[in-house]
């Protein structure tokens, strides 16, 4: 470790860690190697190197409205009309 290396600590479910460790062992990688590779990929790609499928704010609002029955039923024709009318 050099003077410029940082230490990162993270909490992870024990079972997930053990399963990941088994997979990494077959690849000849340590958990630290995998984390280091993950960070290098973030820097290289300027983004998380895999898709994250979390809903955006509008989707969350729509899901909440649906749960609270605040949405009015609509048709495909109404949706197309709303697109045309802005």
Protein backbone atom coordinates (compact mmCIF):
# COMPACT_ATOMS: atom_id res chain seq x y z
CA UNK A 1 0.00 0.00 0.00
CA UNK A 2 1.35 3.43 -0.91
CA UNK A 3 0.95 6.69 0.96
CA UNK A 4 -1.79 7.71 -1.45
CA UNK A 5 -3.96 4.60 -1.04
CA UNK A 6 -7.22 4.96 0.88
CA UNK A 7 -8.95 2.26 2.87
CA UNK A 8 -12.66 1.74 2.21
CA UNK A 9 -15.00 -0.03 4.62
CA UNK A 10 -18.47 -1.15 3.63
CA UNK A 11 -21.20 -3.24 5.21
CA UNK A 12 -22.54 -6.14 3.16
CA UNK A 13 -24.77 -9.09 3.94
CA UNK A 14 -22.55 -11.98 5.10
CA UNK A 15 -24.12 -14.52 2.73
CA UNK A 16 -23.65 -12.20 -0.26
CA UNK A 17 -20.01 -11.64 0.70
CA UNK A 18 -19.33 -15.38 0.99
CA UNK A 19 -21.03 -16.14 -2.36
CA UNK A 20 -19.16 -13.31 -4.10
CA UNK A 21 -15.90 -14.47 -2.52
CA UNK A 22 -16.42 -18.01 -3.88
CA UNK A 23 -16.98 -16.65 -7.40
CA UNK A 24 -14.02 -14.28 -7.17
CA UNK A 25 -11.80 -17.13 -5.92
CA UNK A 26 -12.52 -19.07 -9.11
CA UNK A 27 -11.34 -16.02 -11.05
CA UNK A 28 -8.20 -15.59 -8.97
CA UNK A 29 -9.45 -12.29 -7.53
CA UNK A 30 -9.83 -11.07 -3.97
CA UNK A 31 -12.72 -8.96 -2.73
CA UNK A 32 -10.30 -6.01 -2.64
CA UNK A 33 -9.34 -6.70 -6.27
CA UNK A 34 -13.00 -6.71 -7.29
CA UNK A 35 -13.71 -3.43 -5.49
CA UNK A 36 -10.60 -1.87 -7.03
CA UNK A 37 -11.69 -3.03 -10.52
CA UNK A 38 -15.18 -1.64 -9.89
CA UNK A 39 -13.79 1.78 -8.97
CA UNK A 40 -11.39 1.82 -11.95
CA UNK A 41 -14.34 1.07 -14.26
CA UNK A 42 -16.37 3.91 -12.71
CA UNK A 43 -13.51 6.29 -13.45
CA UNK A 44 -12.90 4.90 -16.97
CA UNK A 45 -16.57 4.96 -18.00
CA UNK A 46 -17.61 7.98 -15.91
CA UNK A 47 -20.62 6.00 -14.70
CA UNK A 48 -21.60 2.86 -12.83
CA UNK A 49 -20.43 0.07 -15.18
CA UNK A 50 -23.76 -1.75 -15.22
CA UNK A 51 -27.39 -0.68 -15.59
CA UNK A 52 -29.16 0.38 -12.43
CA UNK A 53 -32.86 -0.13 -12.69
CA UNK A 54 -34.21 2.22 -10.07
CA UNK A 55 -37.36 4.18 -10.86
CA UNK A 56 -37.02 7.92 -11.43
CA UNK A 57 -39.00 10.51 -9.46
CA UNK A 58 -41.92 10.61 -11.93
CA UNK A 59 -42.24 6.83 -11.89
CA UNK A 60 -42.20 6.77 -8.09
CA UNK A 61 -44.94 9.43 -7.99
CA UNK A 62 -47.05 7.46 -10.48
CA UNK A 63 -46.62 4.25 -8.48
CA UNK A 64 -47.63 6.03 -5.28
CA UNK A 65 -50.65 7.60 -7.00
CA UNK A 66 -51.65 4.18 -8.31
CA UNK A 67 -51.39 2.67 -4.84
CA UNK A 68 -53.50 5.51 -3.46
CA UNK A 69 -56.02 5.17 -6.33
CA UNK A 70 -55.43 8.76 -7.49
CA UNK A 71 -54.96 7.81 -11.14
CA UNK A 72 -57.81 8.04 -13.59
CA UNK A 73 -58.22 5.20 -16.08
CA UNK A 74 -57.18 6.11 -19.62
CA UNK A 75 -56.87 4.62 -23.08
CA UNK A 76 -54.08 4.48 -25.61
CA UNK A 77 -55.99 7.01 -27.73
CA UNK A 78 -56.07 9.47 -24.81
CA UNK A 79 -52.34 9.06 -24.30
CA UNK A 80 -51.64 9.73 -27.99
CA UNK A 81 -53.93 12.77 -27.89
CA UNK A 82 -52.10 14.15 -24.86
CA UNK A 83 -48.79 13.77 -26.72
CA UNK A 84 -50.15 15.68 -29.72
CA UNK A 85 -51.63 18.43 -27.55
CA UNK A 86 -48.54 18.79 -25.42
